[in-house]
Amino acid sequence: KTIVDRAVTLSGTDAGSIFYYRPKMGRFELG
Protein backbone atom coordinates (compact mmCIF):
# COMPACT_ATOMS: atom_id res chain seq x y z
CA LYS A 1 0.00 0.00 0.00
CA THR A 2 2.88 2.36 0.80
CA ILE A 3 4.52 1.57 -2.53
CA VAL A 4 1.37 2.11 -4.57
CA ASP A 5 0.45 5.36 -2.82
CA ARG A 6 3.92 6.85 -3.29
CA ALA A 7 4.14 5.62 -6.90
CA VAL A 8 0.88 7.36 -7.85
CA THR A 9 1.94 10.60 -6.15
CA LEU A 10 5.40 10.79 -7.70
CA SER A 11 4.37 9.67 -11.19
CA GLY A 12 1.58 12.24 -11.37
CA THR A 13 -0.91 9.54 -12.35
CA ASP A 14 -4.49 9.13 -11.20
CA ALA A 15 -4.46 5.56 -9.90
CA GLY A 16 -2.25 2.58 -9.26
CA SER A 17 -2.45 -1.07 -8.31
CA ILE A 18 -0.39 -4.18 -7.79
CA PHE A 19 -1.44 -7.48 -9.32
CA TYR A 20 -0.11 -10.79 -7.97
CA TYR A 21 0.93 -13.39 -10.51
CA ARG A 22 -0.07 -17.01 -9.87
CA PRO A 23 2.24 -19.03 -12.15
CA LYS A 24 0.57 -22.40 -11.56
CA MET A 25 -2.70 -21.03 -12.89
CA GLY A 26 -1.22 -18.51 -15.33
CA ARG A 27 -3.51 -15.88 -13.79
CA PHE A 28 -3.30 -12.49 -12.08
CA GLU A 29 -5.28 -11.28 -9.10
CA LEU A 30 -5.62 -7.78 -7.69
CA GLY A 31 -3.61 -6.78 -4.64
PDB file of all heavy atoms in Angstrom:
ATOM      1  N   LYS A   1       0.840  -1.204   0.000  1.00  0.00           N
ATOM      2  CA  LYS A   1       0.000   0.000   0.000  1.00  0.00           C
ATOM      3  C   LYS A   1       0.871   1.249   0.000  1.00  0.00           C
ATOM      4  O   LYS A   1       0.589   2.230  -0.708  1.00  0.00           O
ATOM      5  CB  LYS A   1      -0.915  -0.022   1.223  1.00  0.00           C
ATOM      6  CG  LYS A   1      -1.836   1.193   1.334  1.00  0.00           C
ATOM      7  CD  LYS A   1      -2.791   1.302   0.159  1.00  0.00           C
ATOM      8  CE  LYS A   1      -3.762   2.451   0.356  1.00  0.00           C
ATOM      9  NZ  LYS A   1      -4.580   2.712  -0.844  1.00  0.00           N
ATOM     10  N   THR A   2       1.946   1.230   0.788  1.00  0.00           N
ATOM     11  CA  THR A   2       2.875   2.359   0.803  1.00  0.00           C
ATOM     12  C   THR A   2       3.492   2.567  -0.569  1.00  0.00           C
ATOM     13  O   THR A   2       3.603   3.701  -1.060  1.00  0.00           O
ATOM     14  CB  THR A   2       3.991   2.112   1.839  1.00  0.00           C
ATOM     15  OG1 THR A   2       3.406   1.957   3.134  1.00  0.00           O
ATOM     16  CG2 THR A   2       4.978   3.264   1.873  1.00  0.00           C
ATOM     17  N   ILE A   3       3.900   1.484  -1.207  1.00  0.00           N
ATOM     18  CA  ILE A   3       4.523   1.570  -2.526  1.00  0.00           C
ATOM     19  C   ILE A   3       3.554   2.151  -3.552  1.00  0.00           C
ATOM     20  O   ILE A   3       3.903   3.056  -4.320  1.00  0.00           O
ATOM     21  CB  ILE A   3       5.020   0.178  -2.963  1.00  0.00           C
ATOM     22  CG1 ILE A   3       6.210  -0.253  -2.098  1.00  0.00           C
ATOM     23  CG2 ILE A   3       5.417   0.178  -4.441  1.00  0.00           C
ATOM     24  CD1 ILE A   3       6.660  -1.674  -2.328  1.00  0.00           C
ATOM     25  N   VAL A   4       2.341   1.645  -3.584  1.00  0.00           N
ATOM     26  CA  VAL A   4       1.368   2.111  -4.574  1.00  0.00           C
ATOM     27  C   VAL A   4       1.022   3.583  -4.360  1.00  0.00           C
ATOM     28  O   VAL A   4       0.976   4.375  -5.311  1.00  0.00           O
ATOM     29  CB  VAL A   4       0.091   1.238  -4.534  1.00  0.00           C
ATOM     30  CG1 VAL A   4      -0.973   1.810  -5.439  1.00  0.00           C
ATOM     31  CG2 VAL A   4       0.411  -0.184  -4.958  1.00  0.00           C
ATOM     32  N   ASP A   5       0.790   3.968  -3.111  1.00  0.00           N
ATOM     33  CA  ASP A   5       0.450   5.364  -2.819  1.00  0.00           C
ATOM     34  C   ASP A   5       1.559   6.301  -3.270  1.00  0.00           C
ATOM     35  O   ASP A   5       1.304   7.334  -3.918  1.00  0.00           O
ATOM     36  CB  ASP A   5       0.199   5.549  -1.318  1.00  0.00           C
ATOM     37  CG  ASP A   5      -1.124   4.938  -0.872  1.00  0.00           C
ATOM     38  OD1 ASP A   5      -1.965   4.663  -1.744  1.00  0.00           O
ATOM     39  OD2 ASP A   5      -1.303   4.726   0.343  1.00  0.00           O
ATOM     40  N   ARG A   6       2.810   5.984  -2.929  1.00  0.00           N
ATOM     41  CA  ARG A   6       3.917   6.847  -3.295  1.00  0.00           C
ATOM     42  C   ARG A   6       4.151   6.835  -4.807  1.00  0.00           C
ATOM     43  O   ARG A   6       4.516   7.859  -5.391  1.00  0.00           O
ATOM     44  CB  ARG A   6       5.189   6.409  -2.569  1.00  0.00           C
ATOM     45  CG  ARG A   6       5.096   6.491  -1.056  1.00  0.00           C
ATOM     46  CD  ARG A   6       4.828   7.908  -0.602  1.00  0.00           C
ATOM     47  NE  ARG A   6       5.986   8.778  -0.794  1.00  0.00           N
ATOM     48  CZ  ARG A   6       5.931  10.079  -0.932  1.00  0.00           C
ATOM     49  NH1 ARG A   6       4.756  10.691  -0.932  1.00  0.00           N
ATOM     50  NH2 ARG A   6       7.026  10.797  -1.092  1.00  0.00           N
ATOM     51  N   ALA A   7       3.949   5.701  -5.449  1.00  0.00           N
ATOM     52  CA  ALA A   7       4.136   5.619  -6.899  1.00  0.00           C
ATOM     53  C   ALA A   7       3.151   6.523  -7.629  1.00  0.00           C
ATOM     54  O   ALA A   7       3.515   7.237  -8.574  1.00  0.00           O
ATOM     55  CB  ALA A   7       3.985   4.183  -7.358  1.00  0.00           C
ATOM     56  N   VAL A   8       1.902   6.512  -7.219  1.00  0.00           N
ATOM     57  CA  VAL A   8       0.882   7.357  -7.848  1.00  0.00           C
ATOM     58  C   VAL A   8       1.223   8.833  -7.659  1.00  0.00           C
ATOM     59  O   VAL A   8       1.138   9.641  -8.592  1.00  0.00           O
ATOM     60  CB  VAL A   8      -0.509   7.027  -7.277  1.00  0.00           C
ATOM     61  CG1 VAL A   8      -1.531   8.071  -7.710  1.00  0.00           C
ATOM     62  CG2 VAL A   8      -0.946   5.642  -7.722  1.00  0.00           C
ATOM     63  N   THR A   9       1.624   9.189  -6.431  1.00  0.00           N
ATOM     64  CA  THR A   9       1.937  10.597  -6.147  1.00  0.00           C
ATOM     65  C   THR A   9       3.112  11.089  -6.986  1.00  0.00           C
ATOM     66  O   THR A   9       3.038  12.150  -7.616  1.00  0.00           O
ATOM     67  CB  THR A   9       2.261  10.765  -4.652  1.00  0.00           C
ATOM     68  OG1 THR A   9       1.133  10.361  -3.873  1.00  0.00           O
ATOM     69  CG2 THR A   9       2.599  12.210  -4.332  1.00  0.00           C
ATOM     70  N   LEU A  10       4.200  10.323  -7.018  1.00  0.00           N
ATOM     71  CA  LEU A  10       5.404  10.786  -7.699  1.00  0.00           C
ATOM     72  C   LEU A  10       5.296  10.712  -9.222  1.00  0.00           C
ATOM     73  O   LEU A  10       5.950  11.476  -9.921  1.00  0.00           O
ATOM     74  CB  LEU A  10       6.611   9.972  -7.227  1.00  0.00           C
ATOM     75  CG  LEU A  10       7.061  10.263  -5.795  1.00  0.00           C
ATOM     76  CD1 LEU A  10       8.169   9.322  -5.387  1.00  0.00           C
ATOM     77  CD2 LEU A  10       7.539  11.695  -5.664  1.00  0.00           C
ATOM     78  N   SER A  11       4.495   9.793  -9.735  1.00  0.00           N
ATOM     79  CA  SER A  11       4.367   9.665 -11.189  1.00  0.00           C
ATOM     80  C   SER A  11       3.361  10.646 -11.767  1.00  0.00           C
ATOM     81  O   SER A  11       3.256  10.801 -12.983  1.00  0.00           O
ATOM     82  CB  SER A  11       3.962   8.239 -11.562  1.00  0.00           C
ATOM     83  OG  SER A  11       2.671   7.934 -11.045  1.00  0.00           O
ATOM     84  N   GLY A  12       2.590  11.319 -10.896  1.00  0.00           N
ATOM     85  CA  GLY A  12       1.576  12.237 -11.367  1.00  0.00           C
ATOM     86  C   GLY A  12       0.417  11.549 -12.061  1.00  0.00           C
ATOM     87  O   GLY A  12      -0.284  12.161 -12.874  1.00  0.00           O
ATOM     88  N   THR A  13       0.196  10.296 -11.746  1.00  0.00           N
ATOM     89  CA  THR A  13      -0.907   9.544 -12.346  1.00  0.00           C
ATOM     90  C   THR A  13      -2.134   9.623 -11.447  1.00  0.00           C
ATOM     91  O   THR A  13      -2.099  10.168 -10.344  1.00  0.00           O
ATOM     92  CB  THR A  13      -0.498   8.082 -12.578  1.00  0.00           C
ATOM     93  OG1 THR A  13       0.055   7.539 -11.373  1.00  0.00           O
ATOM     94  CG2 THR A  13       0.555   7.989 -13.679  1.00  0.00           C
ATOM     95  N   ASP A  14      -3.224   9.040 -11.934  1.00  0.00           N
ATOM     96  CA  ASP A  14      -4.487   9.127 -11.198  1.00  0.00           C
ATOM     97  C   ASP A  14      -4.758   7.916 -10.323  1.00  0.00           C
ATOM     98  O   ASP A  14      -5.527   8.004  -9.357  1.00  0.00           O
ATOM     99  CB  ASP A  14      -5.645   9.286 -12.193  1.00  0.00           C
ATOM    100  CG  ASP A  14      -5.510  10.563 -13.010  1.00  0.00           C
ATOM    101  OD1 ASP A  14      -5.377  11.637 -12.393  1.00  0.00           O
ATOM    102  OD2 ASP A  14      -5.519  10.480 -14.246  1.00  0.00           O
ATOM    103  N   ALA A  15      -4.172   6.785 -10.659  1.00  0.00           N
ATOM    104  CA  ALA A  15      -4.461   5.559  -9.897  1.00  0.00           C
ATOM    105  C   ALA A  15      -3.315   4.575 -10.081  1.00  0.00           C
ATOM    106  O   ALA A  15      -2.515   4.676 -11.011  1.00  0.00           O
ATOM    107  CB  ALA A  15      -5.778   4.932 -10.348  1.00  0.00           C
ATOM    108  N   GLY A  16      -3.268   3.620  -9.177  1.00  0.00           N
ATOM    109  CA  GLY A  16      -2.250   2.584  -9.261  1.00  0.00           C
ATOM    110  C   GLY A  16      -2.723   1.314  -8.580  1.00  0.00           C
ATOM    111  O   GLY A  16      -3.638   1.334  -7.755  1.00  0.00           O
ATOM    112  N   SER A  17      -2.091   0.212  -8.923  1.00  0.00           N
ATOM    113  CA  SER A  17      -2.448  -1.074  -8.314  1.00  0.00           C
ATOM    114  C   SER A  17      -1.314  -2.061  -8.499  1.00  0.00           C
ATOM    115  O   SER A  17      -0.449  -1.888  -9.360  1.00  0.00           O
ATOM    116  CB  SER A  17      -3.740  -1.629  -8.934  1.00  0.00           C
ATOM    117  OG  SER A  17      -3.598  -1.735 -10.340  1.00  0.00           O
ATOM    118  N   ILE A  18      -1.334  -3.073  -7.661  1.00  0.00           N
ATOM    119  CA  ILE A  18      -0.385  -4.179  -7.788  1.00  0.00           C
ATOM    120  C   ILE A  18      -1.193  -5.450  -8.004  1.00  0.00           C
ATOM    121  O   ILE A  18      -2.163  -5.723  -7.281  1.00  0.00           O
ATOM    122  CB  ILE A  18       0.504  -4.299  -6.544  1.00  0.00           C
ATOM    123  CG1 ILE A  18       1.562  -3.184  -6.562  1.00  0.00           C
ATOM    124  CG2 ILE A  18       1.186  -5.659  -6.482  1.00  0.00           C
ATOM    125  CD1 ILE A  18       2.505  -3.209  -5.391  1.00  0.00           C
ATOM    126  N   PHE A  19      -0.799  -6.201  -9.021  1.00  0.00           N
ATOM    127  CA  PHE A  19      -1.437  -7.479  -9.324  1.00  0.00           C
ATOM    128  C   PHE A  19      -0.454  -8.602  -9.009  1.00  0.00           C
ATOM    129  O   PHE A  19       0.706  -8.560  -9.429  1.00  0.00           O
ATOM    130  CB  PHE A  19      -1.845  -7.548 -10.800  1.00  0.00           C
ATOM    131  CG  PHE A  19      -3.041  -6.709 -11.145  1.00  0.00           C
ATOM    132  CD1 PHE A  19      -2.905  -5.356 -11.425  1.00  0.00           C
ATOM    133  CD2 PHE A  19      -4.308  -7.277 -11.188  1.00  0.00           C
ATOM    134  CE1 PHE A  19      -3.997  -4.574 -11.748  1.00  0.00           C
ATOM    135  CE2 PHE A  19      -5.416  -6.494 -11.505  1.00  0.00           C
ATOM    136  CZ  PHE A  19      -5.264  -5.150 -11.789  1.00  0.00           C
ATOM    137  N   TYR A  20      -0.930  -9.610  -8.264  1.00  0.00           N
ATOM    138  CA  TYR A  20      -0.111 -10.793  -7.973  1.00  0.00           C
ATOM    139  C   TYR A  20      -0.204 -11.772  -9.137  1.00  0.00           C
ATOM    140  O   TYR A  20      -1.290 -11.989  -9.686  1.00  0.00           O
ATOM    141  CB  TYR A  20      -0.580 -11.493  -6.696  1.00  0.00           C
ATOM    142  CG  TYR A  20      -0.650 -10.604  -5.480  1.00  0.00           C
ATOM    143  CD1 TYR A  20      -1.787 -10.590  -4.677  1.00  0.00           C
ATOM    144  CD2 TYR A  20       0.414  -9.793  -5.122  1.00  0.00           C
ATOM    145  CE1 TYR A  20      -1.863  -9.786  -3.552  1.00  0.00           C
ATOM    146  CE2 TYR A  20       0.346  -8.983  -4.003  1.00  0.00           C
ATOM    147  CZ  TYR A  20      -0.790  -8.986  -3.214  1.00  0.00           C
ATOM    148  OH  TYR A  20      -0.859  -8.192  -2.116  1.00  0.00           O
ATOM    149  N   TYR A  21       0.920 -12.383  -9.453  1.00  0.00           N
ATOM    150  CA  TYR A  21       0.928 -13.392 -10.515  1.00  0.00           C
ATOM    151  C   TYR A  21       0.934 -14.778  -9.890  1.00  0.00           C
ATOM    152  O   TYR A  21       1.748 -15.071  -9.006  1.00  0.00           O
ATOM    153  CB  TYR A  21       2.159 -13.209 -11.400  1.00  0.00           C
ATOM    154  CG  TYR A  21       2.257 -14.232 -12.523  1.00  0.00           C
ATOM    155  CD1 TYR A  21       1.207 -14.396 -13.417  1.00  0.00           C
ATOM    156  CD2 TYR A  21       3.392 -15.017 -12.671  1.00  0.00           C
ATOM    157  CE1 TYR A  21       1.291 -15.326 -14.443  1.00  0.00           C
ATOM    158  CE2 TYR A  21       3.487 -15.947 -13.704  1.00  0.00           C
ATOM    159  CZ  TYR A  21       2.431 -16.104 -14.577  1.00  0.00           C
ATOM    160  OH  TYR A  21       2.513 -17.023 -15.585  1.00  0.00           O
ATOM    161  N   ARG A  22       0.015 -15.629 -10.341  1.00  0.00           N
ATOM    162  CA  ARG A  22      -0.071 -17.010  -9.868  1.00  0.00           C
ATOM    163  C   ARG A  22       0.396 -17.930 -10.994  1.00  0.00           C
ATOM    164  O   ARG A  22      -0.387 -18.284 -11.878  1.00  0.00           O
ATOM    165  CB  ARG A  22      -1.500 -17.362  -9.449  1.00  0.00           C
ATOM    166  CG  ARG A  22      -2.134 -16.396  -8.442  1.00  0.00           C
ATOM    167  CD  ARG A  22      -1.315 -16.247  -7.200  1.00  0.00           C
ATOM    168  NE  ARG A  22      -1.963 -15.403  -6.188  1.00  0.00           N
ATOM    169  CZ  ARG A  22      -1.332 -14.872  -5.163  1.00  0.00           C
ATOM    170  NH1 ARG A  22      -0.020 -15.070  -5.029  1.00  0.00           N
ATOM    171  NH2 ARG A  22      -1.985 -14.116  -4.289  1.00  0.00           N
ATOM    172  N   PRO A  23       1.681 -18.296 -11.010  1.00  0.00           N
ATOM    173  CA  PRO A  23       2.237 -19.028 -12.150  1.00  0.00           C
ATOM    174  C   PRO A  23       1.587 -20.383 -12.404  1.00  0.00           C
ATOM    175  O   PRO A  23       1.475 -20.800 -13.558  1.00  0.00           O
ATOM    176  CB  PRO A  23       3.725 -19.179 -11.784  1.00  0.00           C
ATOM    177  CG  PRO A  23       3.794 -18.987 -10.299  1.00  0.00           C
ATOM    178  CD  PRO A  23       2.695 -18.042  -9.964  1.00  0.00           C
ATOM    179  N   LYS A  24       1.167 -21.079 -11.354  1.00  0.00           N
ATOM    180  CA  LYS A  24       0.566 -22.399 -11.557  1.00  0.00           C
ATOM    181  C   LYS A  24      -0.726 -22.313 -12.352  1.00  0.00           C
ATOM    182  O   LYS A  24      -1.074 -23.236 -13.094  1.00  0.00           O
ATOM    183  CB  LYS A  24       0.315 -23.077 -10.213  1.00  0.00           C
ATOM    184  CG  LYS A  24       1.598 -23.460  -9.469  1.00  0.00           C
ATOM    185  CD  LYS A  24       1.278 -24.194  -8.172  1.00  0.00           C
ATOM    186  CE  LYS A  24       2.547 -24.605  -7.455  1.00  0.00           C
ATOM    187  NZ  LYS A  24       2.260 -25.328  -6.183  1.00  0.00           N
ATOM    188  N   MET A  25      -1.443 -21.207 -12.184  1.00  0.00           N
ATOM    189  CA  MET A  25      -2.705 -21.029 -12.894  1.00  0.00           C
ATOM    190  C   MET A  25      -2.555 -20.133 -14.115  1.00  0.00           C
ATOM    191  O   MET A  25      -3.482 -20.038 -14.925  1.00  0.00           O
ATOM    192  CB  MET A  25      -3.756 -20.443 -11.944  1.00  0.00           C
ATOM    193  CG  MET A  25      -4.059 -21.313 -10.736  1.00  0.00           C
ATOM    194  SD  MET A  25      -5.304 -20.563  -9.649  1.00  0.00           S
ATOM    195  CE  MET A  25      -4.394 -19.149  -9.021  1.00  0.00           C
ATOM    196  N   GLY A  26      -1.402 -19.446 -14.224  1.00  0.00           N
ATOM    197  CA  GLY A  26      -1.225 -18.507 -15.330  1.00  0.00           C
ATOM    198  C   GLY A  26      -2.200 -17.345 -15.240  1.00  0.00           C
ATOM    199  O   GLY A  26      -2.666 -16.834 -16.251  1.00  0.00           O
ATOM    200  N   ARG A  27      -2.511 -16.907 -14.014  1.00  0.00           N
ATOM    201  CA  ARG A  27      -3.509 -15.881 -13.791  1.00  0.00           C
ATOM    202  C   ARG A  27      -2.965 -14.781 -12.887  1.00  0.00           C
ATOM    203  O   ARG A  27      -2.003 -14.971 -12.147  1.00  0.00           O
ATOM    204  CB  ARG A  27      -4.760 -16.477 -13.125  1.00  0.00           C
ATOM    205  CG  ARG A  27      -5.521 -17.488 -13.989  1.00  0.00           C
ATOM    206  CD  ARG A  27      -6.253 -16.769 -15.109  1.00  0.00           C
ATOM    207  NE  ARG A  27      -7.174 -17.623 -15.820  1.00  0.00           N
ATOM    208  CZ  ARG A  27      -6.861 -18.423 -16.838  1.00  0.00           C
ATOM    209  NH1 ARG A  27      -5.594 -18.508 -17.226  1.00  0.00           N
ATOM    210  NH2 ARG A  27      -7.773 -19.139 -17.453  1.00  0.00           N
ATOM    211  N   PHE A  28      -3.603 -13.609 -12.974  1.00  0.00           N
ATOM    212  CA  PHE A  28      -3.296 -12.490 -12.085  1.00  0.00           C
ATOM    213  C   PHE A  28      -4.495 -12.236 -11.173  1.00  0.00           C
ATOM    214  O   PHE A  28      -5.642 -12.480 -11.563  1.00  0.00           O
ATOM    215  CB  PHE A  28      -3.024 -11.206 -12.885  1.00  0.00           C
ATOM    216  CG  PHE A  28      -1.715 -11.204 -13.613  1.00  0.00           C
ATOM    217  CD1 PHE A  28      -1.639 -11.678 -14.919  1.00  0.00           C
ATOM    218  CD2 PHE A  28      -0.559 -10.734 -13.008  1.00  0.00           C
ATOM    219  CE1 PHE A  28      -0.430 -11.674 -15.604  1.00  0.00           C
ATOM    220  CE2 PHE A  28       0.646 -10.725 -13.676  1.00  0.00           C
ATOM    221  CZ  PHE A  28       0.719 -11.190 -14.984  1.00  0.00           C
ATOM    222  N   GLU A  29      -4.194 -11.720  -9.974  1.00  0.00           N
ATOM    223  CA  GLU A  29      -5.276 -11.276  -9.099  1.00  0.00           C
ATOM    224  C   GLU A  29      -4.873  -9.957  -8.443  1.00  0.00           C
ATOM    225  O   GLU A  29      -3.691  -9.707  -8.187  1.00  0.00           O
ATOM    226  CB  GLU A  29      -5.609 -12.321  -8.034  1.00  0.00           C
ATOM    227  CG  GLU A  29      -4.505 -12.650  -7.067  1.00  0.00           C
ATOM    228  CD  GLU A  29      -4.925 -13.714  -6.065  1.00  0.00           C
ATOM    229  OE1 GLU A  29      -5.372 -14.792  -6.503  1.00  0.00           O
ATOM    230  OE2 GLU A  29      -4.803 -13.448  -4.851  1.00  0.00           O
ATOM    231  N   LEU A  30      -5.863  -9.126  -8.191  1.00  0.00           N
ATOM    232  CA  LEU A  30      -5.624  -7.780  -7.687  1.00  0.00           C
ATOM    233  C   LEU A  30      -5.132  -7.807  -6.252  1.00  0.00           C
ATOM    234  O   LEU A  30      -5.654  -8.531  -5.413  1.00  0.00           O
ATOM    235  CB  LEU A  30      -6.914  -6.957  -7.789  1.00  0.00           C
ATOM    236  CG  LEU A  30      -6.829  -5.496  -7.352  1.00  0.00           C
ATOM    237  CD1 LEU A  30      -5.880  -4.717  -8.261  1.00  0.00           C
ATOM    238  CD2 LEU A  30      -8.213  -4.862  -7.340  1.00  0.00           C
ATOM    239  N   GLY A  31      -4.115  -6.948  -5.991  1.00  0.00           N
ATOM    240  CA  GLY A  31      -3.606  -6.778  -4.635  1.00  0.00           C
ATOM    241  C   GLY A  31      -3.994  -5.425  -4.077  1.00  0.00           C
ATOM    242  O   GLY A  31      -5.172  -5.096  -3.994  1.00  0.00           O
TER     243      GLY A  31
END
